[in-house]
Protein backbone atom coordinates (compact mmCIF):
# COMPACT_ATOMS: atom_id res chain seq x y z
CA MET A 1 0.00 0.00 0.00
CA LEU A 2 2.93 2.35 0.56
CA LYS A 3 4.77 1.56 -2.66
CA ASP A 4 5.05 4.67 -4.86
CA ARG A 5 2.77 6.67 -2.54
CA THR A 6 3.93 10.18 -1.71
CA VAL A 7 4.22 10.96 1.99
CA VAL A 8 4.98 14.44 3.26
CA LEU A 9 6.63 14.07 6.66
CA GLY A 10 6.53 17.22 8.75
CA VAL A 11 9.05 17.44 11.58
CA THR A 12 8.72 20.11 14.26
CA GLY A 13 10.98 21.31 17.06
CA SER A 14 10.59 18.56 19.65
CA ILE A 15 13.32 16.51 21.32
CA ALA A 16 11.55 13.57 19.67
CA ALA A 17 12.55 14.89 16.24
CA TYR A 18 15.32 12.30 16.10
CA LYS A 19 12.66 9.56 16.05
CA ALA A 20 11.27 11.00 12.82
CA ALA A 21 14.40 9.72 11.10
CA GLU A 22 13.28 6.14 11.74
CA ILE A 23 9.77 6.98 10.52
CA ALA A 24 11.27 8.36 7.30
CA SER A 25 13.48 5.30 6.98
CA GLN A 26 10.67 2.78 7.42
CA LEU A 27 8.38 4.60 5.01
CA THR A 28 11.15 4.79 2.41
CA GLN A 29 12.04 1.11 2.82
CA SER A 30 8.38 0.29 2.25
CA GLY A 31 8.56 1.95 -1.16
CA ALA A 32 7.05 5.35 -0.32
CA ILE A 33 8.31 8.63 -1.77
CA VAL A 34 9.03 10.65 1.37
CA ASN A 35 9.31 14.44 1.21
CA VAL A 36 10.45 15.88 4.54
CA VAL A 37 9.50 19.39 5.66
CA MET A 38 11.29 20.68 8.76
CA THR A 39 10.46 23.70 10.86
CA GLU A 40 13.32 25.90 11.99
CA GLY A 41 13.03 24.44 15.49
CA ALA A 42 13.37 20.90 14.16
CA THR A 43 16.73 21.71 12.56
CA GLN A 44 18.08 22.49 16.05
CA PHE A 45 17.55 18.85 17.04
CA ILE A 46 18.43 16.94 13.87
CA SER A 47 20.17 17.81 10.63
CA PRO A 48 18.25 17.99 7.33
CA LEU A 49 21.14 15.99 5.85
CA THR A 50 20.02 12.99 7.91
CA PHE A 51 16.62 12.96 6.23
CA ARG A 52 18.10 13.57 2.80
CA ALA A 53 20.39 10.57 3.25
CA LEU A 54 17.51 8.36 4.42
CA THR A 55 14.96 9.36 1.78
CA GLY A 56 17.14 10.33 -1.18
CA ARG A 57 14.93 13.41 -1.53
CA PRO A 58 15.43 17.17 -1.00
CA VAL A 59 14.49 18.40 2.46
CA VAL A 60 12.48 21.62 2.75
CA THR A 61 13.43 23.87 5.65
CA GLU A 62 12.36 27.37 4.53
CA MET A 63 9.26 28.94 3.03
CA PHE A 64 11.20 30.13 0.00
CA ASP A 65 14.19 27.85 -0.31
CA VAL A 66 15.90 28.59 -3.64
CA THR A 67 17.71 25.25 -3.44
CA SER A 68 14.45 23.28 -3.28
CA GLU A 69 12.47 21.96 -6.21
CA TYR A 70 9.43 23.40 -4.41
CA SER A 71 10.75 26.97 -4.25
CA VAL A 72 8.63 28.41 -7.07
CA GLU A 73 5.28 27.04 -5.89
CA HIS A 74 5.37 25.80 -2.34
CA VAL A 75 1.87 24.33 -2.53
CA SER A 76 3.19 21.75 -4.99
CA LEU A 77 4.21 19.73 -1.94
CA ALA A 78 0.59 19.70 -0.83
CA ARG A 79 -0.63 18.73 -4.28
CA SER A 80 1.80 15.84 -4.59
CA ALA A 81 0.96 14.32 -1.21
CA ASP A 82 -1.08 11.16 -0.81
CA ILE A 83 -0.83 11.72 2.93
CA VAL A 84 0.75 14.25 5.30
CA VAL A 85 2.27 13.13 8.61
CA VAL A 86 3.34 15.61 11.28
CA ALA A 87 5.58 13.67 13.66
CA PRO A 88 6.54 14.89 16.13
CA ALA A 89 3.98 17.69 16.48
CA THR A 90 4.72 20.21 19.22
CA ALA A 91 2.04 22.12 21.14
CA ASN A 92 2.99 25.20 19.12
CA ALA A 93 2.57 23.39 15.78
CA ILE A 94 -0.78 21.96 16.88
CA ALA A 95 -1.97 25.42 17.94
CA LYS A 96 -1.01 26.94 14.57
CA LEU A 97 -2.69 24.15 12.62
CA ALA A 98 -5.87 24.52 14.68
CA ALA A 99 -5.86 28.29 14.16
CA GLY A 100 -5.00 28.06 10.46
CA ILE A 101 -1.81 30.08 10.81
CA ALA A 102 0.39 29.61 7.74
CA ASP A 103 3.70 31.18 8.73
CA ASP A 104 6.00 28.30 7.84
CA MET A 105 6.30 25.75 5.04
CA LEU A 106 4.81 22.91 7.09
CA CYS A 107 1.65 24.79 8.05
CA CYS A 108 1.25 26.04 4.47
CA THR A 109 1.49 22.46 3.22
CA VAL A 110 -1.10 21.16 5.68
CA LEU A 111 -3.52 23.98 4.90
CA ALA A 112 -3.09 23.54 1.14
CA THR A 113 -3.39 19.77 0.91
CA ARG A 114 -6.50 17.71 0.20
CA ALA A 115 -4.73 14.59 1.43
CA PRO A 116 -5.46 13.05 4.84
CA VAL A 117 -3.33 14.43 7.67
CA ILE A 118 -1.93 12.47 10.61
CA VAL A 119 -0.68 14.35 13.67
CA ALA A 120 1.49 12.67 16.31
CA PRO A 121 1.82 14.96 19.37
CA ALA A 122 5.02 15.04 21.44
CA MET A 123 5.44 17.42 24.36
CA GLU A 124 5.76 17.72 28.12
CA THR A 125 2.83 16.30 30.10
CA ASN A 126 1.55 19.64 31.44
CA MET A 127 1.60 21.10 27.93
CA TYR A 128 -0.29 18.12 26.55
CA GLU A 129 -2.90 18.13 29.33
CA ASN A 130 -3.40 21.90 29.18
CA PRO A 131 -7.02 22.62 28.18
CA ILE A 132 -5.82 24.82 25.31
CA THR A 133 -3.85 21.96 23.76
CA GLN A 134 -6.75 19.58 24.30
CA ASP A 135 -9.13 22.05 22.64
CA ASN A 136 -6.75 22.39 19.69
CA LEU A 137 -6.50 18.61 19.28
CA SER A 138 -10.30 18.32 19.48
CA GLU A 139 -10.59 20.98 16.77
CA LEU A 140 -8.22 19.06 14.51
CA LYS A 141 -10.13 15.83 15.07
CA GLU A 142 -13.41 17.53 14.15
CA ARG A 143 -11.79 18.65 10.89
CA GLY A 144 -10.83 15.07 10.05
CA PHE A 145 -7.21 15.00 11.21
CA VAL A 146 -6.06 11.63 12.55
CA ILE A 147 -4.35 11.91 15.95
CA VAL A 148 -1.84 9.22 16.96
CA GLY A 149 -0.78 9.07 20.59
CA PRO A 150 0.85 10.41 22.55
CA ALA A 151 2.32 7.55 24.54
CA ALA A 152 3.07 7.69 28.25
CA GLY A 153 6.54 7.27 29.75
CA TRP A 154 9.68 9.11 30.73
CA LEU A 155 9.98 12.56 29.16
CA ALA A 156 12.92 14.88 28.48
CA SER A 157 11.83 16.95 31.49
CA GLY A 158 12.66 14.00 33.73
CA ARG A 159 9.01 13.43 34.58
CA GLU A 160 6.83 10.51 33.70
CA GLY A 161 3.44 10.84 32.03
CA PRO A 162 1.65 11.21 28.70
CA GLY A 163 3.43 13.22 26.04
CA ARG A 164 5.94 10.90 24.40
CA LEU A 165 5.78 10.48 20.65
CA ALA A 166 3.73 7.40 19.81
CA ASP A 167 5.70 4.27 18.98
CA ILE A 168 7.12 4.41 15.48
CA SER A 169 5.25 1.22 14.59
CA ASP A 170 2.00 2.95 15.60
CA VAL A 171 2.75 5.98 13.43
CA VAL A 172 3.74 3.93 10.39
CA GLY A 173 0.85 1.52 10.98
CA THR A 174 -1.59 4.42 11.03
CA VAL A 175 -0.17 5.71 7.74
CA ARG A 176 -0.77 2.29 6.20
CA ARG A 177 -4.29 2.08 7.63
CA VAL A 178 -5.35 5.54 6.46
CA LEU A 179 -3.98 5.00 2.96
CA GLY A 180 -5.66 1.60 2.83
CA LYS A 181 -9.18 3.02 3.19
CA GLN A 182 -9.47 3.08 -0.60
CA GLY A 183 -7.97 -0.41 -1.01
CA ASP A 184 -9.49 -3.40 -2.78
CA LEU A 185 -10.89 -4.78 0.50
CA ALA A 186 -12.53 -1.54 1.59
CA GLY A 187 -15.86 -2.22 3.23
CA LYS A 188 -15.14 -5.93 3.72
CA HIS A 189 -15.04 -7.70 7.07
CA ILE A 190 -12.13 -10.14 7.27
CA VAL A 191 -11.82 -12.46 10.27
CA VAL A 192 -8.32 -13.84 10.90
CA SER A 193 -7.23 -16.35 13.53
CA ALA A 194 -3.61 -16.50 14.64
CA GLY A 195 -1.22 -18.18 17.06
CA GLY A 196 -1.22 -21.58 18.71
CA THR A 197 -3.98 -22.59 21.09
CA GLN A 198 -3.18 -23.96 24.54
CA GLU A 199 -5.06 -26.84 26.18
CA PRO A 200 -4.52 -27.01 29.97
CA ILE A 201 -3.38 -30.19 31.66
CA ASP A 202 -3.35 -28.67 35.13
CA PRO A 203 -3.11 -25.06 36.42
CA VAL A 204 0.51 -24.71 35.26
CA ARG A 205 0.94 -27.07 32.28
CA CYS A 206 -0.65 -27.24 28.87
CA ILE A 207 -0.49 -28.82 25.41
CA VAL A 208 0.59 -26.21 22.88
CA ASN A 209 1.31 -25.76 19.22
CA ARG A 210 4.53 -24.05 18.21
CA SER A 211 2.94 -21.29 16.15
CA SER A 212 4.47 -17.84 16.57
CA GLY A 213 1.39 -16.13 15.13
CA LYS A 214 3.48 -14.27 12.55
CA MET A 215 1.51 -15.53 9.56
CA GLY A 216 -1.87 -14.62 11.01
CA TYR A 217 -0.67 -11.22 12.13
CA ALA A 218 0.81 -10.54 8.68
CA LEU A 219 -2.58 -11.39 7.16
CA ALA A 220 -4.38 -9.08 9.57
CA GLU A 221 -1.98 -6.21 8.94
CA ALA A 222 -2.11 -6.62 5.17
CA ALA A 223 -5.92 -6.78 5.16
CA ILE A 224 -6.15 -3.57 7.20
CA GLU A 225 -3.86 -1.83 4.74
CA ARG A 226 -6.14 -2.91 1.91
CA GLY A 227 -9.09 -1.23 3.60
CA ALA A 228 -10.76 -4.15 5.38
CA LYS A 229 -12.35 -4.17 8.78
CA VAL A 230 -10.29 -6.86 10.50
CA SER A 231 -11.24 -8.98 13.47
CA LEU A 232 -8.17 -10.78 14.81
CA ILE A 233 -8.76 -13.76 17.07
CA THR A 234 -5.41 -14.44 18.66
CA ALA A 235 -4.08 -17.21 20.83
CA PRO A 236 -1.12 -16.25 23.08
CA VAL A 237 1.76 -14.79 21.05
CA SER A 238 4.61 -12.32 21.60
CA LEU A 239 3.50 -9.85 18.92
CA GLY A 240 1.94 -6.40 18.98
CA ILE A 241 -1.64 -6.14 17.76
CA PRO A 242 -1.70 -4.54 14.28
CA ILE A 243 -2.94 -0.95 14.32
CA GLY A 244 -6.61 -0.91 13.38
CA ALA A 245 -7.41 -4.54 14.20
CA ASP A 246 -10.27 -5.47 16.53
CA ALA A 247 -8.52 -8.14 18.58
CA MET A 248 -10.00 -10.90 20.73
CA SER A 249 -7.63 -12.89 22.92
CA VAL A 250 -8.35 -16.58 23.42
CA ARG A 251 -6.41 -19.50 24.82
CA THR A 252 -8.13 -22.79 24.06
CA ALA A 253 -9.61 -24.29 20.90
CA ASP A 254 -13.08 -24.02 22.38
CA GLU A 255 -12.61 -20.32 23.14
CA MET A 256 -11.43 -19.78 19.58
CA ARG A 257 -14.49 -21.61 18.26
CA GLN A 258 -16.83 -19.42 20.30
CA ALA A 259 -15.07 -16.25 19.15
CA LEU A 260 -15.27 -17.24 15.49
CA GLU A 261 -18.93 -18.22 15.73
CA SER A 262 -19.72 -14.79 17.20
CA LEU A 263 -18.08 -13.02 14.25
CA VAL A 264 -18.97 -15.02 11.15
CA PRO A 265 -22.51 -13.60 10.78
CA THR A 266 -20.96 -10.35 9.48
CA ALA A 267 -17.81 -11.81 7.89
CA ASP A 268 -17.00 -11.65 4.20
CA ALA A 269 -14.05 -13.99 4.65
CA VAL A 270 -12.56 -16.13 7.41
CA ILE A 271 -8.85 -16.96 7.25
CA MET A 272 -7.94 -19.68 9.73
CA ALA A 273 -4.20 -19.18 10.17
CA ALA A 274 -4.15 -20.31 13.80
CA ALA A 275 -2.54 -23.59 14.79
CA VAL A 276 -5.35 -25.18 16.74
CA ALA A 277 -4.49 -28.07 19.04
CA ASP A 278 -6.09 -31.26 17.72
CA TYR A 279 -6.25 -32.87 21.17
CA ARG A 280 -6.81 -31.84 24.78
CA PRO A 281 -6.72 -33.73 28.09
CA LYS A 282 -10.02 -35.47 28.76
CA ASN A 283 -9.77 -34.65 32.44
CA LEU A 284 -8.33 -31.38 33.71
CA ALA A 285 -6.40 -31.63 36.97
CA ARG A 286 -7.58 -28.94 39.36
CA GLU A 287 -4.28 -28.84 41.22
CA LYS A 288 -0.71 -29.00 39.98
CA MET A 289 0.26 -32.58 39.19
CA LYS A 290 3.36 -33.52 41.14
CA LYS A 291 6.30 -35.13 39.40
CA ARG A 292 6.33 -38.87 39.97
CA ALA A 293 8.74 -41.65 39.20
CA GLY A 294 7.46 -43.64 36.27
CA GLY A 295 5.67 -40.69 34.70
CA ILE A 296 1.96 -40.12 34.18
CA LYS A 297 -0.65 -41.13 31.64
CA LEU A 298 -2.81 -38.55 29.90
CA GLU A 299 -6.03 -39.51 28.19
CA LEU A 300 -6.66 -37.14 25.28
CA GLU A 301 -9.81 -36.30 23.36
CA SER A 302 -10.28 -34.44 20.09
CA THR A 303 -10.89 -30.70 20.10
CA PRO A 304 -13.80 -29.36 18.02
CA ASP A 305 -13.38 -28.97 14.25
CA ILE A 306 -13.64 -25.21 14.11
CA ILE A 307 -13.48 -24.11 10.49
CA GLY A 308 -15.21 -27.20 9.15
CA ASN A 309 -18.28 -26.47 11.28
CA LEU A 310 -18.53 -22.73 10.64
CA LYS A 311 -21.78 -21.92 8.86
CA GLY A 312 -22.46 -18.90 6.70
CA ASP A 313 -22.07 -17.25 3.33
CA PHE A 314 -18.42 -16.22 3.40
CA VAL A 315 -15.10 -17.13 1.83
CA LYS A 316 -13.41 -19.81 3.93
CA ILE A 317 -9.63 -20.23 3.86
CA GLY A 318 -7.54 -22.65 5.89
CA PHE A 319 -3.87 -23.37 6.49
CA ALA A 320 -2.20 -26.77 6.63
CA ALA A 321 1.14 -27.29 8.34
CA GLU A 322 2.46 -30.58 6.99
CA THR A 323 5.57 -32.73 7.43
CA THR A 324 4.88 -35.30 4.67
CA ASN A 325 2.75 -35.54 1.52
CA MET A 326 1.96 -31.86 1.79
CA VAL A 327 -0.24 -31.39 -1.30
CA GLU A 328 -2.16 -34.64 -0.80
CA ASN A 329 -2.84 -34.02 2.88
CA ALA A 330 -3.77 -30.38 2.36
CA THR A 331 -6.13 -31.26 -0.49
CA GLN A 332 -7.88 -33.80 1.70
CA LYS A 333 -8.27 -31.20 4.45
CA LEU A 334 -9.66 -28.69 1.95
CA LYS A 335 -12.35 -31.16 0.84
CA GLU A 336 -13.25 -32.40 4.32
CA LYS A 337 -13.68 -28.90 5.70
CA ARG A 338 -15.32 -27.51 2.53
CA LEU A 339 -12.82 -24.72 2.09
CA ASP A 340 -12.55 -22.30 -0.82
CA LEU A 341 -8.77 -22.27 -0.51
CA ILE A 342 -6.05 -23.86 1.55
CA VAL A 343 -2.48 -22.69 2.10
CA ALA A 344 -0.08 -25.56 2.78
CA ASN A 345 3.48 -25.32 4.01
CA ASP A 346 6.15 -27.85 4.87
CA VAL A 347 7.09 -27.05 8.45
CA THR A 348 10.17 -29.28 8.28
CA ALA A 349 11.87 -26.82 5.91
CA ALA A 350 14.37 -24.43 7.49
CA ASP A 351 12.92 -21.42 5.62
CA SER A 352 9.26 -22.20 6.29
CA GLY A 353 6.99 -22.86 9.21
CA PHE A 354 6.92 -22.06 12.90
CA GLY A 355 8.88 -19.04 14.09
CA THR A 356 10.43 -18.13 10.73
CA ASP A 357 9.93 -14.81 8.95
CA THR A 358 9.55 -16.60 5.63
CA ASN A 359 7.29 -19.29 4.22
CA ARG A 360 7.39 -21.60 1.23
CA VAL A 361 3.72 -22.30 0.61
CA THR A 362 1.51 -24.03 -1.91
CA ILE A 363 -1.97 -22.63 -2.53
CA ILE A 364 -4.70 -25.09 -3.50
CA ASP A 365 -8.21 -24.03 -4.49
CA SER A 366 -11.52 -25.88 -4.47
CA GLN A 367 -11.18 -26.64 -8.19
CA GLY A 368 -7.96 -28.55 -7.56
CA ALA A 369 -5.60 -25.92 -9.01
CA VAL A 370 -2.21 -26.00 -7.28
CA GLU A 371 0.19 -23.02 -7.15
CA ALA A 372 3.58 -23.56 -5.51
CA LEU A 373 5.16 -20.27 -4.46
CA PRO A 374 8.86 -19.61 -3.91
CA VAL A 375 10.25 -18.63 -0.52
CA LEU A 376 8.55 -15.36 0.45
CA THR A 377 8.28 -13.27 3.58
CA LYS A 378 5.13 -13.97 5.53
CA ARG A 379 3.89 -10.51 4.59
CA GLN A 380 4.36 -11.37 0.90
CA VAL A 381 2.51 -14.64 1.42
CA ALA A 382 -0.28 -12.66 3.09
CA GLU A 383 -0.59 -10.42 0.03
CA LYS A 384 -0.79 -13.46 -2.26
CA VAL A 385 -3.54 -14.97 -0.11
CA LEU A 386 -5.47 -11.69 -0.02
CA ASP A 387 -5.21 -11.38 -3.80
CA ARG A 388 -7.09 -14.68 -3.91
CA VAL A 389 -9.62 -13.39 -1.37
CA VAL A 390 -10.35 -10.37 -3.57
CA THR A 391 -10.87 -12.65 -6.59
CA LEU A 392 -13.16 -15.00 -4.65
CA LEU A 393 -15.22 -12.12 -3.26
CA THR A 394 -15.56 -10.60 -6.72
CA LYS A 395 -16.88 -13.91 -8.07
CA THR A 396 -19.32 -14.18 -5.19
CA GLU A 397 -20.69 -10.69 -5.84
CA SER A 398 -20.99 -11.08 -9.62
C-alpha cells in the first residue's frame, strides 16, 4: 500500500525529532516517496542531511528555499501528497494548525493539501494536558485530522506521564491504515485467527502448538492496509496487535471456536491461520500434578473442528502445516472442511513454518488448481492470499 505513494513528513521542534528519522526510513524502505518538511526548530535537534540521506529526496526547511524543487510554488508539496504526517507535532505546531496560521512551510502544506493528515503529538505532560492543547486537538479531530498518541513514559523533562511520541510502529501503521481506506478490501469484514492454542493439563501445564502467530498477524496487517475491517482472534503470542485490528484474545480451541462463531454472521471472509491443538486432556487436573517416578498417563480427546463447522455465506480459507505428503494431505483437508482455498506449508523446511519470517507455501483451491510459491516473507505470502480473497469475493458478488 505504501509503494510509490507520496508521503509528506513534517518534523517540528521537539526533542523527539530524532525519532522522525526512523519513521522516514521505514516509510522509504516500504517503497514510499518521502518528502520531509522541517520547521526551523526541528533543525536544532536533527540535521536535514540525515533525512536527505535516508529518503534520497530534498528536504524543505524554509518557506522560499531557492535550493528546493518546491521553491517556485510551495503548494506543490501539498498537491503531490497522498498523505501528510506531522511527527513529532509540538504544542505550538498543533496550535497553529488549529488556528489556520500559515507562517511556515509545514503549516502552508497542511492547509493547502487535500490529502489526509496524521498528527502525532510530542510534548511535556503539562503542555499536553493543558485545556488549550486539548481544545486544539479536538478541533483538529473535528476537521478530520487523525491523531496518533501520545504515549506515556519518561519525558525529556525528567518526569513521567503522557506526552511521548507514539511508537514508530504505531505511526507507520496508522499511515498504512489511512492510505488503505481506498484499497481493494474496503468495506469488507475479514476475520483472521492467529497463534497456537493452549489446552490445559493442570493449572501450570498445557499442550501447545509451536505457532508464533506471525503468519496470522501478517494477514491481519495486510488486510487492514487494503481497507478491510479486520477482526483478529489471537491465541497467546509475543507480537503487537496490528494498528486498526479489533482483537479478541483466546487460549483454548473451544474459546477460539466461540469467538469465530460470534463473528462469522458479518464476515465476508474467514482466514484460519491459527494452529489449533487437535487434542486436549479429557480430564483437567484442578491442582498441579506432582512429578512422579514412572511418569503419568494422559487420556486425550479431540478438540472441536472449528473451520469445518462454521456456517455462513463467506469465503473460507484454511492453512495446513504438513511434514509429509503436503499437497495430498492439504487437499484432503480442503475437501473435508469444505474450504474455498487452503495454504499448505512444509514445516520441516528451514525457511518455512513455525517461528520463521519466511514461508514456502503451496496454494490449492476448491477446483484442484495447485500453485507452488517460492520462498517469500510472511507478509508477501499474506498479500498473495489476499489477492485470492479479492478474486473470490468478486466472483461471489458477480
